[in-house]
Amino acid sequence: MHYVERLFQSLQPLYNEPWFPWVVGAVGVLFAFSVFKSLKALPKMVMYPIVGATCVIVFFSWLYNRNEPALLSPLMDVLEFWFPSKGSVSGSKF
């Protein structure tokens, strides 16, 4: 954990650079492609649950924190009544 903290501290001056999000995005795409190629070597009965669980985790993280892409906001507005969110205490708005 100490190494990760040192890495983030060393990257702190770069956060305000206009090209930094593009570099992080490119590294993320390369990482996702690498993970997908690794999962593709697995049998489909193993790969599909892993990909599905990852999508569900990301979806519920967006729903809980309400930081979803703008395209999904109408869907999240409908679903937020049945699932807990960061701003609600009891989770249900009924």
PDB file of N, CA and C in Angstrom:
ATOM      1  N   MET A   1       0.818  -1.179   0.000  1.00  0.00           N
ATOM      2  CA  MET A   1       0.000   0.000   0.000  1.00  0.00           C
ATOM      3  C   MET A   1       0.868   1.251   0.000  1.00  0.00           C
ATOM      4  N   HIS A   2       2.004   1.156   0.641  1.00  0.00           N
ATOM      5  CA  HIS A   2       2.907   2.300   0.719  1.00  0.00           C
ATOM      6  C   HIS A   2       3.384   2.704  -0.680  1.00  0.00           C
ATOM      7  N   TYR A   3       3.609   1.729  -1.545  1.00  0.00           N
ATOM      8  CA  TYR A   3       4.076   2.022  -2.897  1.00  0.00           C
ATOM      9  C   TYR A   3       3.004   2.732  -3.719  1.00  0.00           C
ATOM     10  N   VAL A   4       1.759   2.348  -3.518  1.00  0.00           N
ATOM     11  CA  VAL A   4       0.660   2.994  -4.245  1.00  0.00           C
ATOM     12  C   VAL A   4       0.529   4.446  -3.813  1.00  0.00           C
ATOM     13  N   GLU A   5       0.635   4.710  -2.508  1.00  0.00           N
ATOM     14  CA  GLU A   5       0.566   6.085  -2.009  1.00  0.00           C
ATOM     15  C   GLU A   5       1.704   6.929  -2.574  1.00  0.00           C
ATOM     16  N   ARG A   6       2.892   6.360  -2.633  1.00  0.00           N
ATOM     17  CA  ARG A   6       4.035   7.088  -3.209  1.00  0.00           C
ATOM     18  C   ARG A   6       3.827   7.348  -4.690  1.00  0.00           C
ATOM     19  N   LEU A   7       3.209   6.390  -5.401  1.00  0.00           N
ATOM     20  CA  LEU A   7       2.934   6.586  -6.820  1.00  0.00           C
ATOM     21  C   LEU A   7       1.958   7.736  -7.026  1.00  0.00           C
ATOM     22  N   PHE A   8       0.877   7.768  -6.248  1.00  0.00           N
ATOM     23  CA  PHE A   8      -0.105   8.843  -6.370  1.00  0.00           C
ATOM     24  C   PHE A   8       0.498  10.198  -5.996  1.00  0.00           C
ATOM     25  N   GLN A   9       1.365  10.232  -5.007  1.00  0.00           N
ATOM     26  CA  GLN A   9       2.019  11.488  -4.638  1.00  0.00           C
ATOM     27  C   GLN A   9       2.951  11.970  -5.733  1.00  0.00           C
ATOM     28  N   SER A  10       3.629  11.050  -6.397  1.00  0.00           N
ATOM     29  CA  SER A  10       4.532  11.456  -7.471  1.00  0.00           C
ATOM     30  C   SER A  10       3.769  11.925  -8.707  1.00  0.00           C
ATOM     31  N   LEU A  11       2.530  11.433  -8.906  1.00  0.00           N
ATOM     32  CA  LEU A  11       1.723  11.851 -10.052  1.00  0.00           C
ATOM     33  C   LEU A  11       0.898  13.103  -9.767  1.00  0.00           C
ATOM     34  N   GLN A  12       0.887  13.580  -8.541  1.00  0.00           N
ATOM     35  CA  GLN A  12       0.077  14.735  -8.159  1.00  0.00           C
ATOM     36  C   GLN A  12       0.308  15.957  -9.046  1.00  0.00           C
ATOM     37  N   PRO A  13       1.547  16.330  -9.404  1.00  0.00           N
ATOM     38  CA  PRO A  13       1.732  17.507 -10.262  1.00  0.00           C
ATOM     39  C   PRO A  13       1.152  17.341 -11.672  1.00  0.00           C
ATOM     40  N   LEU A  14       0.935  16.108 -12.101  1.00  0.00           N
ATOM     41  CA  LEU A  14       0.443  15.871 -13.456  1.00  0.00           C
ATOM     42  C   LEU A  14      -1.075  15.915 -13.558  1.00  0.00           C
ATOM     43  N   TYR A  15      -1.799  15.910 -12.428  1.00  0.00           N
ATOM     44  CA  TYR A  15      -3.259  15.842 -12.461  1.00  0.00           C
ATOM     45  C   TYR A  15      -3.887  16.999 -13.230  1.00  0.00           C
ATOM     46  N   ASN A  16      -3.296  18.148 -13.207  1.00  0.00           N
ATOM     47  CA  ASN A  16      -3.884  19.316 -13.866  1.00  0.00           C
ATOM     48  C   ASN A  16      -3.452  19.478 -15.318  1.00  0.00           C
ATOM     49  N   GLU A  17      -2.611  18.609 -15.808  1.00  0.00           N
ATOM     50  CA  GLU A  17      -2.185  18.683 -17.206  1.00  0.00           C
ATOM     51  C   GLU A  17      -3.331  18.246 -18.114  1.00  0.00           C
ATOM     52  N   PRO A  18      -3.523  18.928 -19.256  1.00  0.00           N
ATOM     53  CA  PRO A  18      -4.663  18.577 -20.121  1.00  0.00           C
ATOM     54  C   PRO A  18      -4.540  17.205 -20.782  1.00  0.00           C
ATOM     55  N   TRP A  19      -3.350  16.684 -20.930  1.00  0.00           N
ATOM     56  CA  TRP A  19      -3.160  15.391 -21.586  1.00  0.00           C
ATOM     57  C   TRP A  19      -3.248  14.215 -20.625  1.00  0.00           C
ATOM     58  N   PHE A  20      -3.236  14.475 -19.314  1.00  0.00           N
ATOM     59  CA  PHE A  20      -3.190  13.397 -18.325  1.00  0.00           C
ATOM     60  C   PHE A  20      -4.398  12.460 -18.393  1.00  0.00           C
ATOM     61  N   PRO A  21      -5.645  12.973 -18.507  1.00  0.00           N
ATOM     62  CA  PRO A  21      -6.779  12.028 -18.611  1.00  0.00           C
ATOM     63  C   PRO A  21      -6.706  11.133 -19.848  1.00  0.00           C
ATOM     64  N   TRP A  22      -6.151  11.650 -20.926  1.00  0.00           N
ATOM     65  CA  TRP A  22      -6.024  10.838 -22.144  1.00  0.00           C
ATOM     66  C   TRP A  22      -5.026   9.705 -21.945  1.00  0.00           C
ATOM     67  N   VAL A  23      -3.945   9.989 -21.248  1.00  0.00           N
ATOM     68  CA  VAL A  23      -2.944   8.953 -20.986  1.00  0.00           C
ATOM     69  C   VAL A  23      -3.519   7.886 -20.049  1.00  0.00           C
ATOM     70  N   VAL A  24      -4.216   8.322 -19.011  1.00  0.00           N
ATOM     71  CA  VAL A  24      -4.829   7.363 -18.087  1.00  0.00           C
ATOM     72  C   VAL A  24      -5.875   6.529 -18.817  1.00  0.00           C
ATOM     73  N   GLY A  25      -6.656   7.156 -19.701  1.00  0.00           N
ATOM     74  CA  GLY A  25      -7.643   6.418 -20.487  1.00  0.00           C
ATOM     75  C   GLY A  25      -6.998   5.403 -21.412  1.00  0.00           C
ATOM     76  N   ALA A  26      -5.896   5.793 -22.068  1.00  0.00           N
ATOM     77  CA  ALA A  26      -5.198   4.868 -22.971  1.00  0.00           C
ATOM     78  C   ALA A  26      -4.627   3.675 -22.187  1.00  0.00           C
ATOM     79  N   VAL A  27      -4.055   3.938 -21.023  1.00  0.00           N
ATOM     80  CA  VAL A  27      -3.535   2.850 -20.190  1.00  0.00           C
ATOM     81  C   VAL A  27      -4.682   1.944 -19.738  1.00  0.00           C
ATOM     82  N   GLY A  28      -5.829   2.547 -19.405  1.00  0.00           N
ATOM     83  CA  GLY A  28      -6.991   1.760 -19.010  1.00  0.00           C
ATOM     84  C   GLY A  28      -7.505   0.873 -20.130  1.00  0.00           C
ATOM     85  N   VAL A  29      -7.534   1.412 -21.358  1.00  0.00           N
ATOM     86  CA  VAL A  29      -7.981   0.619 -22.508  1.00  0.00           C
ATOM     87  C   VAL A  29      -7.012  -0.533 -22.763  1.00  0.00           C
ATOM     88  N   LEU A  30      -5.729  -0.265 -22.688  1.00  0.00           N
ATOM     89  CA  LEU A  30      -4.744  -1.336 -22.880  1.00  0.00           C
ATOM     90  C   LEU A  30      -4.871  -2.406 -21.793  1.00  0.00           C
ATOM     91  N   PHE A  31      -5.100  -1.982 -20.553  1.00  0.00           N
ATOM     92  CA  PHE A  31      -5.281  -2.934 -19.467  1.00  0.00           C
ATOM     93  C   PHE A  31      -6.535  -3.767 -19.676  1.00  0.00           C
ATOM     94  N   ALA A  32      -7.633  -3.121 -20.080  1.00  0.00           N
ATOM     95  CA  ALA A  32      -8.884  -3.848 -20.317  1.00  0.00           C
ATOM     96  C   ALA A  32      -8.717  -4.842 -21.464  1.00  0.00           C
ATOM     97  N   PHE A  33      -8.019  -4.444 -22.513  1.00  0.00           N
ATOM     98  CA  PHE A  33      -7.772  -5.348 -23.639  1.00  0.00           C
ATOM     99  C   PHE A  33      -6.937  -6.539 -23.190  1.00  0.00           C
ATOM    100  N   SER A  34      -5.935  -6.292 -22.360  1.00  0.00           N
ATOM    101  CA  SER A  34      -5.095  -7.377 -21.854  1.00  0.00           C
ATOM    102  C   SER A  34      -5.901  -8.347 -20.998  1.00  0.00           C
ATOM    103  N   VAL A  35      -6.761  -7.810 -20.128  1.00  0.00           N
ATOM    104  CA  VAL A  35      -7.594  -8.671 -19.284  1.00  0.00           C
ATOM    105  C   VAL A  35      -8.567  -9.466 -20.142  1.00  0.00           C
ATOM    106  N   PHE A  36      -9.167  -8.819 -21.147  1.00  0.00           N
ATOM    107  CA  PHE A  36     -10.107  -9.519 -22.020  1.00  0.00           C
ATOM    108  C   PHE A  36      -9.412 -10.643 -22.784  1.00  0.00           C
ATOM    109  N   LYS A  37      -8.199 -10.403 -23.270  1.00  0.00           N
ATOM    110  CA  LYS A  37      -7.466 -11.459 -23.975  1.00  0.00           C
ATOM    111  C   LYS A  37      -7.151 -12.623 -23.032  1.00  0.00           C
ATOM    112  N   SER A  38      -6.857 -12.315 -21.779  1.00  0.00           N
ATOM    113  CA  SER A  38      -6.588 -13.378 -20.809  1.00  0.00           C
ATOM    114  C   SER A  38      -7.856 -14.175 -20.510  1.00  0.00           C
ATOM    115  N   LEU A  39      -8.992 -13.457 -20.366  1.00  0.00           N
ATOM    116  CA  LEU A  39     -10.254 -14.145 -20.096  1.00  0.00           C
ATOM    117  C   LEU A  39     -10.727 -14.957 -21.300  1.00  0.00           C
ATOM    118  N   LYS A  40     -10.376 -14.514 -22.493  1.00  0.00           N
ATOM    119  CA  LYS A  40     -10.800 -15.217 -23.703  1.00  0.00           C
ATOM    120  C   LYS A  40     -10.174 -16.608 -23.790  1.00  0.00           C
ATOM    121  N   ALA A  41      -9.028 -16.772 -23.155  1.00  0.00           N
ATOM    122  CA  ALA A  41      -8.369 -18.078 -23.159  1.00  0.00           C
ATOM    123  C   ALA A  41      -9.077 -19.068 -22.232  1.00  0.00           C
ATOM    124  N   LEU A  42      -9.900 -18.561 -21.317  1.00  0.00           N
ATOM    125  CA  LEU A  42     -10.646 -19.436 -20.411  1.00  0.00           C
ATOM    126  C   LEU A  42     -11.866 -20.018 -21.115  1.00  0.00           C
ATOM    127  N   PRO A  43     -12.422 -21.089 -20.601  1.00  0.00           N
ATOM    128  CA  PRO A  43     -13.678 -21.610 -21.157  1.00  0.00           C
ATOM    129  C   PRO A  43     -14.804 -20.584 -20.986  1.00  0.00           C
ATOM    130  N   LYS A  44     -15.750 -20.612 -21.904  1.00  0.00           N
ATOM    131  CA  LYS A  44     -16.839 -19.632 -21.889  1.00  0.00           C
ATOM    132  C   LYS A  44     -17.680 -19.710 -20.615  1.00  0.00           C
ATOM    133  N   MET A  45     -17.814 -20.873 -20.028  1.00  0.00           N
ATOM    134  CA  MET A  45     -18.593 -21.012 -18.800  1.00  0.00           C
ATOM    135  C   MET A  45     -17.897 -20.353 -17.604  1.00  0.00           C
ATOM    136  N   VAL A  46     -16.621 -20.061 -17.730  1.00  0.00           N
ATOM    137  CA  VAL A  46     -15.890 -19.349 -16.686  1.00  0.00           C
ATOM    138  C   VAL A  46     -15.823 -17.862 -17.025  1.00  0.00           C
ATOM    139  N   MET A  47     -15.623 -17.547 -18.310  1.00  0.00           N
ATOM    140  CA  MET A  47     -15.453 -16.159 -18.732  1.00  0.00           C
ATOM    141  C   MET A  47     -16.731 -15.350 -18.555  1.00  0.00           C
ATOM    142  N   TYR A  48     -17.886 -15.868 -18.959  1.00  0.00           N
ATOM    143  CA  TYR A  48     -19.129 -15.094 -18.911  1.00  0.00           C
ATOM    144  C   TYR A  48     -19.533 -14.698 -17.490  1.00  0.00           C
ATOM    145  N   PRO A  49     -19.454 -15.583 -16.494  1.00  0.00           N
ATOM    146  CA  PRO A  49     -19.774 -15.124 -15.128  1.00  0.00           C
ATOM    147  C   PRO A  49     -18.814 -14.055 -14.601  1.00  0.00           C
ATOM    148  N   ILE A  50     -17.540 -14.135 -14.966  1.00  0.00           N
ATOM    149  CA  ILE A  50     -16.585 -13.122 -14.528  1.00  0.00           C
ATOM    150  C   ILE A  50     -16.912 -11.772 -15.152  1.00  0.00           C
ATOM    151  N   VAL A  51     -17.175 -11.748 -16.456  1.00  0.00           N
ATOM    152  CA  VAL A  51     -17.531 -10.504 -17.142  1.00  0.00           C
ATOM    153  C   VAL A  51     -18.866  -9.980 -16.618  1.00  0.00           C
ATOM    154  N   GLY A  52     -19.832 -10.863 -16.421  1.00  0.00           N
ATOM    155  CA  GLY A  52     -21.139 -10.451 -15.910  1.00  0.00           C
ATOM    156  C   GLY A  52     -21.061  -9.882 -14.507  1.00  0.00           C
ATOM    157  N   ALA A  53     -20.297 -10.525 -13.640  1.00  0.00           N
ATOM    158  CA  ALA A  53     -20.147 -10.030 -12.265  1.00  0.00           C
ATOM    159  C   ALA A  53     -19.451  -8.667 -12.254  1.00  0.00           C
ATOM    160  N   THR A  54     -18.478  -8.488 -13.122  1.00  0.00           N
ATOM    161  CA  THR A  54     -17.799  -7.199 -13.213  1.00  0.00           C
ATOM    162  C   THR A  54     -18.760  -6.108 -13.664  1.00  0.00           C
ATOM    163  N   CYS A  55     -19.590  -6.399 -14.654  1.00  0.00           N
ATOM    164  CA  CYS A  55     -20.573  -5.414 -15.127  1.00  0.00           C
ATOM    165  C   CYS A  55     -21.588  -5.079 -14.042  1.00  0.00           C
ATOM    166  N   VAL A  56     -22.049  -6.073 -13.297  1.00  0.00           N
ATOM    167  CA  VAL A  56     -23.011  -5.834 -12.218  1.00  0.00           C
ATOM    168  C   VAL A  56     -22.382  -4.979 -11.120  1.00  0.00           C
ATOM    169  N   ILE A  57     -21.130  -5.244 -10.765  1.00  0.00           N
ATOM    170  CA  ILE A  57     -20.447  -4.462  -9.738  1.00  0.00           C
ATOM    171  C   ILE A  57     -20.294  -3.011 -10.175  1.00  0.00           C
ATOM    172  N   VAL A  58     -19.900  -2.783 -11.418  1.00  0.00           N
ATOM    173  CA  VAL A  58     -19.759  -1.416 -11.924  1.00  0.00           C
ATOM    174  C   VAL A  58     -21.115  -0.725 -11.952  1.00  0.00           C
ATOM    175  N   PHE A  59     -22.156  -1.427 -12.400  1.00  0.00           N
ATOM    176  CA  PHE A  59     -23.501  -0.850 -12.485  1.00  0.00           C
ATOM    177  C   PHE A  59     -24.010  -0.433 -11.103  1.00  0.00           C
ATOM    178  N   PHE A  60     -23.864  -1.306 -10.099  1.00  0.00           N
ATOM    179  CA  PHE A  60     -24.325  -0.970  -8.762  1.00  0.00           C
ATOM    180  C   PHE A  60     -23.453   0.101  -8.104  1.00  0.00           C
ATOM    181  N   SER A  61     -22.189   0.161  -8.458  1.00  0.00           N
ATOM    182  CA  SER A  61     -21.347   1.247  -7.971  1.00  0.00           C
ATOM    183  C   SER A  61     -21.832   2.581  -8.521  1.00  0.00           C
ATOM    184  N   TRP A  62     -22.172   2.609  -9.816  1.00  0.00           N
ATOM    185  CA  TRP A  62     -22.741   3.833 -10.406  1.00  0.00           C
ATOM    186  C   TRP A  62     -24.049   4.187  -9.727  1.00  0.00           C
ATOM    187  N   LEU A  63     -24.880   3.187  -9.458  1.00  0.00           N
ATOM    188  CA  LEU A  63     -26.182   3.423  -8.840  1.00  0.00           C
ATOM    189  C   LEU A  63     -26.025   3.941  -7.412  1.00  0.00           C
ATOM    190  N   TYR A  64     -25.104   3.389  -6.653  1.00  0.00           N
ATOM    191  CA  TYR A  64     -24.911   3.805  -5.270  1.00  0.00           C
ATOM    192  C   TYR A  64     -24.313   5.212  -5.191  1.00  0.00           C
ATOM    193  N   ASN A  65     -23.280   5.473  -6.000  1.00  0.00           N
ATOM    194  CA  ASN A  65     -22.594   6.764  -5.938  1.00  0.00           C
ATOM    195  C   ASN A  65     -23.202   7.821  -6.859  1.00  0.00           C
ATOM    196  N   ARG A  66     -24.102   7.409  -7.742  1.00  0.00           N
ATOM    197  CA  ARG A  66     -24.740   8.293  -8.733  1.00  0.00           C
ATOM    198  C   ARG A  66     -23.707   9.049  -9.570  1.00  0.00           C
ATOM    199  N   ASN A  67     -22.726   8.320 -10.079  1.00  0.00           N
ATOM    200  CA  ASN A  67     -21.728   8.896 -10.969  1.00  0.00           C
ATOM    201  C   ASN A  67     -21.727   8.170 -12.312  1.00  0.00           C
ATOM    202  N   GLU A  68     -22.927   7.793 -12.755  1.00  0.00           N
ATOM    203  CA  GLU A  68     -23.078   7.066 -14.004  1.00  0.00           C
ATOM    204  C   GLU A  68     -22.900   8.008 -15.201  1.00  0.00           C
ATOM    205  N   PRO A  69     -22.674   7.451 -16.385  1.00  0.00           N
ATOM    206  CA  PRO A  69     -22.643   8.286 -17.583  1.00  0.00           C
ATOM    207  C   PRO A  69     -24.013   8.935 -17.808  1.00  0.00           C
ATOM    208  N   ALA A  70     -24.024  10.093 -18.444  1.00  0.00           N
ATOM    209  CA  ALA A  70     -25.264  10.845 -18.639  1.00  0.00           C
ATOM    210  C   ALA A  70     -26.298  10.038 -19.429  1.00  0.00           C
ATOM    211  N   LEU A  71     -25.858   9.163 -20.285  1.00  0.00           N
ATOM    212  CA  LEU A  71     -26.768   8.344 -21.091  1.00  0.00           C
ATOM    213  C   LEU A  71     -27.612   7.412 -20.216  1.00  0.00           C
ATOM    214  N   LEU A  72     -27.070   6.963 -19.096  1.00  0.00           N
ATOM    215  CA  LEU A  72     -27.776   6.024 -18.225  1.00  0.00           C
ATOM    216  C   LEU A  72     -28.560   6.691 -17.097  1.00  0.00           C
ATOM    217  N   SER A  73     -28.521   8.014 -17.005  1.00  0.00           N
ATOM    218  CA  SER A  73     -29.211   8.712 -15.910  1.00  0.00           C
ATOM    219  C   SER A  73     -30.707   8.425 -15.844  1.00  0.00           C
ATOM    220  N   PRO A  74     -31.454   8.400 -16.968  1.00  0.00           N
ATOM    221  CA  PRO A  74     -32.886   8.085 -16.846  1.00  0.00           C
ATOM    222  C   PRO A  74     -33.141   6.692 -16.261  1.00  0.00           C
ATOM    223  N   LEU A  75     -32.343   5.716 -16.640  1.00  0.00           N
ATOM    224  CA  LEU A  75     -32.490   4.374 -16.096  1.00  0.00           C
ATOM    225  C   LEU A  75     -32.151   4.354 -14.605  1.00  0.00           C
ATOM    226  N   MET A  76     -31.109   5.059 -14.227  1.00  0.00           N
ATOM    227  CA  MET A  76     -30.705   5.114 -12.822  1.00  0.00           C
ATOM    228  C   MET A  76     -31.758   5.844 -11.980  1.00  0.00           C
ATOM    229  N   ASP A  77     -32.416   6.850 -12.557  1.00  0.00           N
ATOM    230  CA  ASP A  77     -33.469   7.562 -11.831  1.00  0.00           C
ATOM    231  C   ASP A  77     -34.615   6.624 -11.480  1.00  0.00           C
ATOM    232  N   VAL A  78     -34.935   5.695 -12.375  1.00  0.00           N
ATOM    233  CA  VAL A  78     -36.007   4.735 -12.115  1.00  0.00           C
ATOM    234  C   VAL A  78     -35.564   3.712 -11.068  1.00  0.00           C
ATOM    235  N   LEU A  79     -34.338   3.231 -11.164  1.00  0.00           N
ATOM    236  CA  LEU A  79     -33.855   2.173 -10.274  1.00  0.00           C
ATOM    237  C   LEU A  79     -33.474   2.662  -8.888  1.00  0.00           C
ATOM    238  N   GLU A  80     -33.209   3.958  -8.720  1.00  0.00           N
ATOM    239  CA  GLU A  80     -32.736   4.428  -7.416  1.00  0.00           C
ATOM    240  C   GLU A  80     -33.781   4.293  -6.315  1.00  0.00           C
ATOM    241  N   PHE A  81     -35.053   4.114  -6.671  1.00  0.00           N
ATOM    242  CA  PHE A  81     -36.094   3.961  -5.666  1.00  0.00           C
ATOM    243  C   PHE A  81     -36.038   2.601  -4.970  1.00  0.00           C
ATOM    244  N   TRP A  82     -35.473   1.600  -5.623  1.00  0.00           N
ATOM    245  CA  TRP A  82     -35.453   0.248  -5.065  1.00  0.00           C
ATOM    246  C   TRP A  82     -34.106  -0.154  -4.483  1.00  0.00           C
ATOM    247  N   PHE A  83     -33.072   0.611  -4.738  1.00  0.00           N
ATOM    248  CA  PHE A  83     -31.743   0.245  -4.258  1.00  0.00           C
ATOM    249  C   PHE A  83     -31.173   1.366  -3.400  1.00  0.00           C
ATOM    250  N   PRO A  84     -30.307   1.030  -2.450  1.00  0.00           N
ATOM    251  CA  PRO A  84     -29.734   2.083  -1.595  1.00  0.00           C
ATOM    252  C   PRO A  84     -28.777   2.971  -2.385  1.00  0.00           C
ATOM    253  N   SER A  85     -28.665   4.204  -1.932  1.00  0.00           N
ATOM    254  CA  SER A  85     -27.709   5.121  -2.542  1.00  0.00           C
ATOM    255  C   SER A  85     -26.952   5.842  -1.440  1.00  0.00           C
ATOM    256  N   LYS A  86     -25.899   6.498  -1.812  1.00  0.00           N
ATOM    257  CA  LYS A  86     -25.049   7.174  -0.846  1.00  0.00           C
ATOM    258  C   LYS A  86     -25.806   8.275  -0.103  1.00  0.00           C
ATOM    259  N   GLY A  87     -26.740   8.939  -0.763  1.00  0.00           N
ATOM    260  CA  GLY A  87     -27.450  10.055  -0.161  1.00  0.00           C
ATOM    261  C   GLY A  87     -28.627   9.651   0.717  1.00  0.00           C
ATOM    262  N   SER A  88     -29.096   8.417   0.636  1.00  0.00           N
ATOM    263  CA  SER A  88     -30.262   8.018   1.413  1.00  0.00           C
ATOM    264  C   SER A  88     -29.836   7.267   2.664  1.00  0.00           C
ATOM    265  N   VAL A  89     -30.613   7.414   3.719  1.00  0.00           N
ATOM    266  CA  VAL A  89     -30.288   6.763   4.980  1.00  0.00           C
ATOM    267  C   VAL A  89     -30.862   5.349   5.019  1.00  0.00           C
ATOM    268  N   SER A  90     -32.145   5.214   4.685  1.00  0.00           N
ATOM    269  CA  SER A  90     -32.793   3.904   4.790  1.00  0.00           C
ATOM    270  C   SER A  90     -32.654   3.076   3.534  1.00  0.00           C
ATOM    271  N   GLY A  91     -32.330   3.697   2.409  1.00  0.00           N
ATOM    272  CA  GLY A  91     -32.183   2.952   1.165  1.00  0.00           C
ATOM    273  C   GLY A  91     -33.415   3.016   0.305  1.00  0.00           C
ATOM    274  N   SER A  92     -34.594   2.918   0.869  1.00  0.00           N
ATOM    275  CA  SER A  92     -35.831   2.979   0.104  1.00  0.00           C
ATOM    276  C   SER A  92     -36.456   4.346   0.265  1.00  0.00           C
ATOM    277  N   LYS A  93     -37.049   4.836  -0.808  1.00  0.00           N
ATOM    278  CA  LYS A  93     -37.628   6.176  -0.766  1.00  0.00           C
ATOM    279  C   LYS A  93     -39.135   6.128  -0.650  1.00  0.00           C
ATOM    280  N   PHE A  94     -39.717   4.964  -0.297  1.00  0.00           N
ATOM    281  CA  PHE A  94     -41.185   4.848  -0.152  1.00  0.00           C
ATOM    282  C   PHE A  94     -41.611   5.361   1.191  1.00  0.00           C
TER     283      PHE A  94
END
